[in-house]
Amino acid sequence: MGIILWLIIGGLAGWIAGKIMRGGGFGVVGNIVVGIVGAVIGGAMIGLLGLSSNGGIIGSLVTAVIGAVVLLWVVSLIKRKG
């Protein structure tokens, strides 16, 4: 059940981040990838700030969305320069 929950949270986080960053989403697989990578980035950021991400499913989703937004922002910076 854990992997299915990761995929659902990843898909939601990627979709939400795409909406926040004015994208149209990246399809189901793209949203899941962006969300899961974003969750890793968000978890690292929260850890560096000395905060805890023990907020259950909602906390995991918020963490993943924050990380996914940062990921999309960095990708947009790289695309502008390239």
N, C-alpha and C. Protein backbone atom coordinates (compact mmCIF):
# COMPACT_ATOMS: atom_id res chain seq x y z
N MET A 1 0.82 -1.20 0.00
CA MET A 1 0.00 0.00 0.00
C MET A 1 0.86 1.26 0.00
N GLY A 2 2.07 1.21 0.54
CA GLY A 2 2.93 2.38 0.63
C GLY A 2 3.31 2.96 -0.72
N ILE A 3 3.64 2.09 -1.68
CA ILE A 3 4.05 2.57 -3.01
C ILE A 3 2.87 3.23 -3.72
N ILE A 4 1.69 2.67 -3.57
CA ILE A 4 0.50 3.26 -4.19
C ILE A 4 0.25 4.65 -3.63
N LEU A 5 0.42 4.81 -2.32
CA LEU A 5 0.23 6.11 -1.69
C LEU A 5 1.28 7.10 -2.19
N TRP A 6 2.52 6.65 -2.35
CA TRP A 6 3.58 7.51 -2.89
C TRP A 6 3.20 7.99 -4.28
N LEU A 7 2.69 7.08 -5.11
CA LEU A 7 2.32 7.45 -6.47
C LEU A 7 1.17 8.45 -6.50
N ILE A 8 0.19 8.25 -5.62
CA ILE A 8 -0.95 9.17 -5.56
C ILE A 8 -0.49 10.54 -5.09
N ILE A 9 0.28 10.58 -4.00
CA ILE A 9 0.79 11.87 -3.49
C ILE A 9 1.69 12.52 -4.52
N GLY A 10 2.54 11.74 -5.17
CA GLY A 10 3.43 12.28 -6.20
C GLY A 10 2.66 12.87 -7.36
N GLY A 11 1.62 12.16 -7.81
CA GLY A 11 0.80 12.68 -8.91
C GLY A 11 0.09 13.96 -8.54
N LEU A 12 -0.50 13.99 -7.35
CA LEU A 12 -1.18 15.20 -6.88
C LEU A 12 -0.20 16.37 -6.74
N ALA A 13 0.95 16.10 -6.14
CA ALA A 13 1.95 17.16 -5.92
C ALA A 13 2.44 17.71 -7.25
N GLY A 14 2.72 16.83 -8.21
CA GLY A 14 3.17 17.28 -9.52
C GLY A 14 2.12 18.10 -10.23
N TRP A 15 0.86 17.68 -10.14
CA TRP A 15 -0.24 18.41 -10.77
C TRP A 15 -0.41 19.79 -10.12
N ILE A 16 -0.41 19.84 -8.79
CA ILE A 16 -0.56 21.11 -8.07
C ILE A 16 0.60 22.05 -8.39
N ALA A 17 1.82 21.51 -8.39
CA ALA A 17 2.99 22.33 -8.70
C ALA A 17 2.91 22.87 -10.13
N GLY A 18 2.43 22.06 -11.06
CA GLY A 18 2.25 22.52 -12.43
C GLY A 18 1.26 23.66 -12.52
N LYS A 19 0.21 23.60 -11.72
CA LYS A 19 -0.77 24.69 -11.69
C LYS A 19 -0.18 25.94 -11.05
N ILE A 20 0.57 25.78 -9.97
CA ILE A 20 1.18 26.92 -9.29
C ILE A 20 2.19 27.62 -10.20
N MET A 21 2.96 26.83 -10.92
CA MET A 21 4.00 27.39 -11.78
C MET A 21 3.48 27.69 -13.19
N ARG A 22 2.17 27.77 -13.34
CA ARG A 22 1.50 28.15 -14.58
C ARG A 22 1.73 27.17 -15.72
N GLY A 23 1.96 25.92 -15.37
CA GLY A 23 2.06 24.89 -16.40
C GLY A 23 0.71 24.19 -16.49
N GLY A 24 0.53 23.39 -17.48
CA GLY A 24 -0.73 22.70 -17.64
C GLY A 24 -0.70 21.29 -17.08
N GLY A 25 0.32 20.94 -16.37
CA GLY A 25 0.48 19.57 -15.93
C GLY A 25 1.39 18.85 -16.91
N PHE A 26 1.79 17.67 -16.55
CA PHE A 26 2.78 16.95 -17.35
C PHE A 26 2.30 15.55 -17.71
N GLY A 27 1.03 15.31 -17.64
CA GLY A 27 0.51 13.98 -17.84
C GLY A 27 0.66 13.18 -16.55
N VAL A 28 0.05 12.04 -16.50
CA VAL A 28 0.04 11.26 -15.26
C VAL A 28 1.44 10.87 -14.84
N VAL A 29 2.21 10.30 -15.75
CA VAL A 29 3.56 9.84 -15.41
C VAL A 29 4.46 11.02 -15.07
N GLY A 30 4.39 12.09 -15.84
CA GLY A 30 5.20 13.27 -15.58
C GLY A 30 4.87 13.89 -14.23
N ASN A 31 3.59 13.98 -13.89
CA ASN A 31 3.19 14.52 -12.59
C ASN A 31 3.73 13.67 -11.46
N ILE A 32 3.66 12.35 -11.61
CA ILE A 32 4.17 11.46 -10.57
C ILE A 32 5.67 11.65 -10.39
N VAL A 33 6.40 11.72 -11.50
CA VAL A 33 7.86 11.89 -11.42
C VAL A 33 8.21 13.22 -10.77
N VAL A 34 7.57 14.30 -11.22
CA VAL A 34 7.83 15.63 -10.65
C VAL A 34 7.47 15.63 -9.16
N GLY A 35 6.36 15.01 -8.81
CA GLY A 35 5.94 14.98 -7.41
C GLY A 35 6.87 14.17 -6.52
N ILE A 36 7.33 13.02 -6.99
CA ILE A 36 8.23 12.20 -6.18
C ILE A 36 9.59 12.86 -6.03
N VAL A 37 10.13 13.39 -7.13
CA VAL A 37 11.40 14.12 -7.03
C VAL A 37 11.22 15.35 -6.14
N GLY A 38 10.08 16.01 -6.28
CA GLY A 38 9.77 17.16 -5.44
C GLY A 38 9.68 16.79 -3.97
N ALA A 39 9.14 15.60 -3.68
CA ALA A 39 9.06 15.15 -2.29
C ALA A 39 10.45 14.97 -1.70
N VAL A 40 11.36 14.45 -2.49
CA VAL A 40 12.74 14.28 -2.01
C VAL A 40 13.38 15.65 -1.76
N ILE A 41 13.20 16.55 -2.71
CA ILE A 41 13.76 17.90 -2.57
C ILE A 41 13.12 18.63 -1.38
N GLY A 42 11.80 18.56 -1.28
CA GLY A 42 11.09 19.21 -0.18
C GLY A 42 11.50 18.64 1.18
N GLY A 43 11.64 17.32 1.25
CA GLY A 43 12.08 16.70 2.51
C GLY A 43 13.48 17.15 2.91
N ALA A 44 14.37 17.27 1.92
CA ALA A 44 15.73 17.74 2.21
C ALA A 44 15.71 19.20 2.67
N MET A 45 14.89 20.01 2.01
CA MET A 45 14.80 21.42 2.39
C MET A 45 14.27 21.58 3.81
N ILE A 46 13.23 20.84 4.13
CA ILE A 46 12.65 20.92 5.47
C ILE A 46 13.65 20.43 6.51
N GLY A 47 14.39 19.38 6.17
CA GLY A 47 15.42 18.88 7.09
C GLY A 47 16.53 19.90 7.31
N LEU A 48 16.93 20.60 6.25
CA LEU A 48 17.97 21.63 6.38
C LEU A 48 17.51 22.80 7.23
N LEU A 49 16.22 23.07 7.20
CA LEU A 49 15.67 24.16 8.01
C LEU A 49 15.45 23.74 9.46
N GLY A 50 15.66 22.45 9.74
CA GLY A 50 15.49 21.96 11.10
C GLY A 50 14.04 21.71 11.48
N LEU A 51 13.18 21.63 10.48
CA LEU A 51 11.76 21.38 10.73
C LEU A 51 11.46 19.89 10.57
N SER A 52 10.32 19.49 11.03
CA SER A 52 9.89 18.10 10.91
C SER A 52 8.75 18.02 9.90
N SER A 53 8.78 16.99 9.07
CA SER A 53 7.71 16.82 8.09
C SER A 53 6.77 15.68 8.50
N ASN A 54 6.59 15.49 9.78
CA ASN A 54 5.71 14.43 10.28
C ASN A 54 4.27 14.92 10.36
N GLY A 55 3.69 15.22 9.23
CA GLY A 55 2.33 15.73 9.21
C GLY A 55 1.36 14.77 8.56
N GLY A 56 1.72 13.50 8.47
CA GLY A 56 0.84 12.54 7.84
C GLY A 56 0.75 12.75 6.34
N ILE A 57 -0.37 12.38 5.78
CA ILE A 57 -0.56 12.48 4.34
C ILE A 57 -0.56 13.93 3.88
N ILE A 58 -1.24 14.80 4.63
CA ILE A 58 -1.29 16.22 4.25
C ILE A 58 0.11 16.84 4.32
N GLY A 59 0.84 16.55 5.38
CA GLY A 59 2.21 17.06 5.51
C GLY A 59 3.10 16.57 4.38
N SER A 60 2.94 15.31 4.01
CA SER A 60 3.71 14.76 2.89
C SER A 60 3.36 15.45 1.59
N LEU A 61 2.08 15.71 1.39
CA LEU A 61 1.64 16.39 0.17
C LEU A 61 2.18 17.81 0.11
N VAL A 62 2.10 18.53 1.22
CA VAL A 62 2.62 19.91 1.26
C VAL A 62 4.12 19.92 1.00
N THR A 63 4.84 19.00 1.63
CA THR A 63 6.29 18.90 1.43
C THR A 63 6.61 18.61 -0.03
N ALA A 64 5.88 17.67 -0.63
CA ALA A 64 6.11 17.31 -2.02
C ALA A 64 5.78 18.47 -2.96
N VAL A 65 4.72 19.20 -2.67
CA VAL A 65 4.36 20.34 -3.52
C VAL A 65 5.43 21.42 -3.44
N ILE A 66 5.91 21.72 -2.24
CA ILE A 66 6.96 22.72 -2.09
C ILE A 66 8.20 22.32 -2.88
N GLY A 67 8.60 21.07 -2.72
CA GLY A 67 9.78 20.58 -3.45
C GLY A 67 9.56 20.58 -4.96
N ALA A 68 8.37 20.20 -5.41
CA ALA A 68 8.08 20.18 -6.84
C ALA A 68 8.06 21.58 -7.43
N VAL A 69 7.55 22.55 -6.69
CA VAL A 69 7.57 23.94 -7.15
C VAL A 69 9.02 24.42 -7.29
N VAL A 70 9.85 24.10 -6.31
CA VAL A 70 11.27 24.47 -6.40
C VAL A 70 11.92 23.80 -7.61
N LEU A 71 11.63 22.52 -7.80
CA LEU A 71 12.17 21.79 -8.95
C LEU A 71 11.75 22.45 -10.26
N LEU A 72 10.49 22.78 -10.41
CA LEU A 72 10.02 23.41 -11.65
C LEU A 72 10.60 24.80 -11.83
N TRP A 73 10.81 25.51 -10.74
CA TRP A 73 11.42 26.84 -10.82
C TRP A 73 12.86 26.73 -11.33
N VAL A 74 13.61 25.77 -10.79
CA VAL A 74 15.01 25.58 -11.22
C VAL A 74 15.04 25.15 -12.69
N VAL A 75 14.15 24.25 -13.08
CA VAL A 75 14.11 23.82 -14.48
C VAL A 75 13.78 25.00 -15.39
N SER A 76 12.88 25.88 -14.96
CA SER A 76 12.55 27.05 -15.80
C SER A 76 13.74 27.99 -15.93
N LEU A 77 14.54 28.11 -14.87
CA LEU A 77 15.75 28.94 -14.95
C LEU A 77 16.75 28.36 -15.94
N ILE A 78 16.90 27.05 -15.90
CA ILE A 78 17.84 26.38 -16.81
C ILE A 78 17.37 26.49 -18.24
N LYS A 79 16.07 26.36 -18.48
CA LYS A 79 15.53 26.46 -19.83
C LYS A 79 15.70 27.86 -20.42
N ARG A 80 15.61 28.87 -19.57
CA ARG A 80 15.79 30.25 -20.05
C ARG A 80 17.20 30.49 -20.53
N LYS A 81 18.17 29.92 -19.81
CA LYS A 81 19.58 30.14 -20.15
C LYS A 81 20.01 29.30 -21.36
N GLY A 82 19.30 28.23 -21.60
CA GLY A 82 19.71 27.30 -22.67
C GLY A 82 19.15 27.57 -24.00
